[in-house]
Every structure is written in structure tokens, then in C-alpha cells.
PDB file of N, CA and C in Angstrom:
ATOM      1  N   UNK A   1      -2.557   5.101  15.088  1.00  0.00           N
ATOM      2  CA  UNK A   1      -3.937   5.481  13.236  1.00  0.00           C
ATOM      3  C   UNK A   1      -5.162   4.842  13.636  1.00  0.00           C
ATOM      4  N   UNK A   2      -4.905   3.700  14.163  1.00  0.00           N
ATOM      5  CA  UNK A   2      -6.355   2.984  14.425  1.00  0.00           C
ATOM      6  C   UNK A   2      -7.302   3.711  15.288  1.00  0.00           C
ATOM      7  N   UNK A   3      -7.264   4.175  16.481  1.00  0.00           N
ATOM      8  CA  UNK A   3      -7.872   5.376  17.035  1.00  0.00           C
ATOM      9  C   UNK A   3      -8.757   6.119  16.312  1.00  0.00           C
ATOM     10  N   UNK A   4      -7.492   6.960  16.006  1.00  0.00           N
ATOM     11  CA  UNK A   4      -8.001   8.275  14.756  1.00  0.00           C
ATOM     12  C   UNK A   4      -8.861   7.506  13.572  1.00  0.00           C
ATOM     13  N   UNK A   5      -8.646   6.558  13.208  1.00  0.00           N
ATOM     14  CA  UNK A   5      -9.238   6.305  12.523  1.00  0.00           C
ATOM     15  C   UNK A   5     -11.167   5.489  13.174  1.00  0.00           C
ATOM     16  N   UNK A   6     -10.982   4.903  14.051  1.00  0.00           N
ATOM     17  CA  UNK A   6     -11.830   5.034  14.531  1.00  0.00           C
ATOM     18  C   UNK A   6     -12.116   3.182  14.154  1.00  0.00           C
ATOM     19  N   UNK A   7     -11.102   2.238  14.193  1.00  0.00           N
ATOM     20  CA  UNK A   7     -11.190   1.336  13.704  1.00  0.00           C
ATOM     21  C   UNK A   7     -10.040   0.506  14.340  1.00  0.00           C
ATOM     22  N   UNK A   8     -10.235  -0.784  14.026  1.00  0.00           N
ATOM     23  CA  UNK A   8      -8.940  -1.793  14.735  1.00  0.00           C
ATOM     24  C   UNK A   8      -8.107  -1.936  13.711  1.00  0.00           C
ATOM     25  N   UNK A   9      -6.834  -2.142  14.721  1.00  0.00           N
ATOM     26  CA  UNK A   9      -5.150  -2.067  14.090  1.00  0.00           C
ATOM     27  C   UNK A   9      -5.141  -3.447  12.486  1.00  0.00           C
ATOM     28  N   UNK A  10      -6.321  -3.944  13.013  1.00  0.00           N
ATOM     29  CA  UNK A  10      -6.735  -5.101  11.737  1.00  0.00           C
ATOM     30  C   UNK A  10      -6.818  -4.621  10.633  1.00  0.00           C
ATOM     31  N   UNK A  11      -8.103  -4.069  10.521  1.00  0.00           N
ATOM     32  CA  UNK A  11      -8.248  -3.098   9.962  1.00  0.00           C
ATOM     33  C   UNK A  11      -7.959  -2.043   9.025  1.00  0.00           C
ATOM     34  N   UNK A  12      -6.602  -1.531   9.610  1.00  0.00           N
ATOM     35  CA  UNK A  12      -5.706  -0.409   9.590  1.00  0.00           C
ATOM     36  C   UNK A  12      -4.578  -0.843   8.073  1.00  0.00           C
ATOM     37  N   UNK A  13      -4.240  -2.465   9.147  1.00  0.00           N
ATOM     38  CA  UNK A  13      -3.141  -3.262   8.487  1.00  0.00           C
ATOM     39  C   UNK A  13      -4.026  -3.397   7.034  1.00  0.00           C
ATOM     40  N   UNK A  14      -5.445  -4.171   6.971  1.00  0.00           N
ATOM     41  CA  UNK A  14      -5.871  -3.985   5.580  1.00  0.00           C
ATOM     42  C   UNK A  14      -6.237  -3.468   4.652  1.00  0.00           C
ATOM     43  N   UNK A  15      -6.525  -1.838   4.935  1.00  0.00           N
ATOM     44  CA  UNK A  15      -6.401  -1.041   4.163  1.00  0.00           C
ATOM     45  C   UNK A  15      -5.230  -0.276   3.514  1.00  0.00           C
ATOM     46  N   UNK A  16      -4.056  -0.349   4.419  1.00  0.00           N
ATOM     47  CA  UNK A  16      -3.050  -0.183   3.767  1.00  0.00           C
ATOM     48  C   UNK A  16      -2.477  -0.738   2.834  1.00  0.00           C
ATOM     49  N   UNK A  17      -2.387  -2.359   3.418  1.00  0.00           N
ATOM     50  CA  UNK A  17      -2.370  -3.250   2.185  1.00  0.00           C
ATOM     51  C   UNK A  17      -3.371  -3.236   0.580  1.00  0.00           C
ATOM     52  N   UNK A  18      -3.921  -3.513   0.526  1.00  0.00           N
ATOM     53  CA  UNK A  18      -5.070  -2.485  -0.267  1.00  0.00           C
ATOM     54  C   UNK A  18      -4.171  -1.390  -0.726  1.00  0.00           C
ATOM     55  N   UNK A  19      -4.001  -0.495  -0.052  1.00  0.00           N
ATOM     56  CA  UNK A  19      -3.777   0.611  -1.041  1.00  0.00           C
ATOM     57  C   UNK A  19      -2.547   0.291  -1.311  1.00  0.00           C
ATOM     58  N   UNK A  20      -1.082  -0.397  -1.109  1.00  0.00           N
ATOM     59  CA  UNK A  20       0.063  -0.370  -1.810  1.00  0.00           C
ATOM     60  C   UNK A  20       0.167  -1.912  -2.461  1.00  0.00           C
ATOM     61  N   UNK A  21      -1.275  -2.394  -2.658  1.00  0.00           N
ATOM     62  CA  UNK A  21      -1.777  -3.218  -3.750  1.00  0.00           C
ATOM     63  C   UNK A  21      -2.084  -2.221  -4.789  1.00  0.00           C
ATOM     64  N   UNK A  22      -3.304  -1.969  -4.811  1.00  0.00           N
ATOM     65  CA  UNK A  22      -3.658  -0.404  -5.801  1.00  0.00           C
ATOM     66  C   UNK A  22      -2.349   0.244  -6.247  1.00  0.00           C
ATOM     67  N   UNK A  23      -1.641   0.602  -5.629  1.00  0.00           N
ATOM     68  CA  UNK A  23      -0.579   1.522  -6.194  1.00  0.00           C
ATOM     69  C   UNK A  23       0.498   0.803  -6.705  1.00  0.00           C
ATOM     70  N   UNK A  24       0.649  -0.276  -6.598  1.00  0.00           N
ATOM     71  CA  UNK A  24       1.046  -1.251  -7.235  1.00  0.00           C
ATOM     72  C   UNK A  24       0.788  -1.260  -8.045  1.00  0.00           C
ATOM     73  N   UNK A  25      -0.319  -1.465  -8.699  1.00  0.00           N
ATOM     74  CA  UNK A  25      -0.878  -1.687 -10.083  1.00  0.00           C
ATOM     75  C   UNK A  25      -1.055  -1.085 -10.756  1.00  0.00           C
ATOM     76  N   UNK A  26      -1.060   0.665 -10.315  1.00  0.00           N
ATOM     77  CA  UNK A  26      -1.564   1.828 -11.091  1.00  0.00           C
ATOM     78  C   UNK A  26      -0.134   1.900 -11.520  1.00  0.00           C
ATOM     79  N   UNK A  27       1.141   1.774 -10.653  1.00  0.00           N
ATOM     80  CA  UNK A  27       2.865   2.007 -11.041  1.00  0.00           C
ATOM     81  C   UNK A  27       3.145   0.775 -12.098  1.00  0.00           C
ATOM     82  N   UNK A  28       2.270  -0.102 -12.278  1.00  0.00           N
ATOM     83  CA  UNK A  28       3.035  -0.967 -13.258  1.00  0.00           C
ATOM     84  C   UNK A  28       2.300  -0.681 -14.405  1.00  0.00           C
ATOM     85  N   UNK A  29       1.084  -0.269 -14.344  1.00  0.00           N
ATOM     86  CA  UNK A  29       0.365   0.503 -15.726  1.00  0.00           C
ATOM     87  C   UNK A  29       1.237   1.580 -16.564  1.00  0.00           C
ATOM     88  N   UNK A  30       1.694   2.681 -15.633  1.00  0.00           N
ATOM     89  CA  UNK A  30       2.899   3.326 -16.054  1.00  0.00           C
ATOM     90  C   UNK A  30       4.104   3.382 -16.075  1.00  0.00           C
ATOM     91  N   UNK A  31       4.282   1.795 -16.272  1.00  0.00           N
ATOM     92  CA  UNK A  31       5.779   1.227 -16.564  1.00  0.00           C
ATOM     93  C   UNK A  31       7.089   1.769 -15.435  1.00  0.00           C
ATOM     94  N   UNK A  32       6.449   1.742 -14.111  1.00  0.00           N
ATOM     95  CA  UNK A  32       7.279   2.246 -13.245  1.00  0.00           C
ATOM     96  C   UNK A  32       7.641   0.661 -12.292  1.00  0.00           C
ATOM     97  N   UNK A  33       6.301   0.215 -12.105  1.00  0.00           N
ATOM     98  CA  UNK A  33       5.849  -1.126 -11.528  1.00  0.00           C
ATOM     99  C   UNK A  33       6.971  -1.146 -10.151  1.00  0.00           C
ATOM    100  N   UNK A  34       7.640  -2.491 -10.067  1.00  0.00           N
ATOM    101  CA  UNK A  34       8.483  -2.808  -9.469  1.00  0.00           C
ATOM    102  C   UNK A  34       9.481  -1.970  -9.022  1.00  0.00           C
ATOM    103  N   UNK A  35      10.390  -1.499  -9.372  1.00  0.00           N
ATOM    104  CA  UNK A  35      11.273  -0.267  -9.647  1.00  0.00           C
ATOM    105  C   UNK A  35      11.043   0.403  -8.293  1.00  0.00           C
ATOM    106  N   UNK A  36      10.043   0.751  -8.252  1.00  0.00           N
ATOM    107  CA  UNK A  36       9.201   2.152  -7.582  1.00  0.00           C
ATOM    108  C   UNK A  36       9.034   1.521  -6.244  1.00  0.00           C
ATOM    109  N   UNK A  37       8.251   0.361  -6.349  1.00  0.00           N
ATOM    110  CA  UNK A  37       8.334  -0.317  -4.467  1.00  0.00           C
ATOM    111  C   UNK A  37       9.091  -0.489  -3.710  1.00  0.00           C
ATOM    112  N   UNK A  38      10.522  -1.525  -4.543  1.00  0.00           N
ATOM    113  CA  UNK A  38      11.385  -1.919  -3.975  1.00  0.00           C
ATOM    114  C   UNK A  38      12.402  -0.457  -3.322  1.00  0.00           C
ATOM    115  N   UNK A  39      12.437   0.708  -4.215  1.00  0.00           N
ATOM    116  CA  UNK A  39      13.215   1.710  -3.682  1.00  0.00           C
ATOM    117  C   UNK A  39      12.429   2.249  -2.670  1.00  0.00           C
ATOM    118  N   UNK A  40      10.779   2.152  -2.459  1.00  0.00           N
ATOM    119  CA  UNK A  40      10.357   2.934  -1.369  1.00  0.00           C
ATOM    120  C   UNK A  40      10.323   1.338  -0.315  1.00  0.00           C
ATOM    121  N   UNK A  41      10.894   1.146  -0.112  1.00  0.00           N
ATOM    122  CA  UNK A  41      10.965  -0.496   1.155  1.00  0.00           C
ATOM    123  C   UNK A  41       9.599  -1.157   1.082  1.00  0.00           C
ATOM    124  N   UNK A  42       8.651  -1.118   0.517  1.00  0.00           N
ATOM    125  CA  UNK A  42       7.368  -1.319   0.382  1.00  0.00           C
ATOM    126  C   UNK A  42       7.939  -3.037  -0.095  1.00  0.00           C
ATOM    127  N   UNK A  43       7.531  -4.026   0.949  1.00  0.00           N
ATOM    128  CA  UNK A  43       7.316  -5.214   0.485  1.00  0.00           C
ATOM    129  C   UNK A  43       5.462  -5.828  -0.505  1.00  0.00           C
ATOM    130  N   UNK A  44       5.812  -6.057  -1.450  1.00  0.00           N
ATOM    131  CA  UNK A  44       4.261  -6.822  -1.650  1.00  0.00           C
ATOM    132  C   UNK A  44       3.625  -7.900  -2.065  1.00  0.00           C
TER     133      UNK A  44
END
């Protein structure tokens, strides 16, 4: 993934972490919150 994106593995991990955090905030506002994140197997 890092090679395809043209960046380091650390950058990919950072982007992924930020995306998961943003997704969890959006889902929380929709009333879905941690239930969905846990079911996806994502640890925040």
C-alpha cells in the first residue's frame, strides 16, 4: 500500500488511524458508535 501511495509505511498507518478515528466520530453522531466499530474488529 505504501509503495502504491508513494509514501512510507508510517504514513499509511497514520492515514489509516485518522480515517478510523474520523469514521468512529461520524458513526457516533449517527447513533451507531462503538457497536459498529467493535463489530468491524477495529480497535480505537
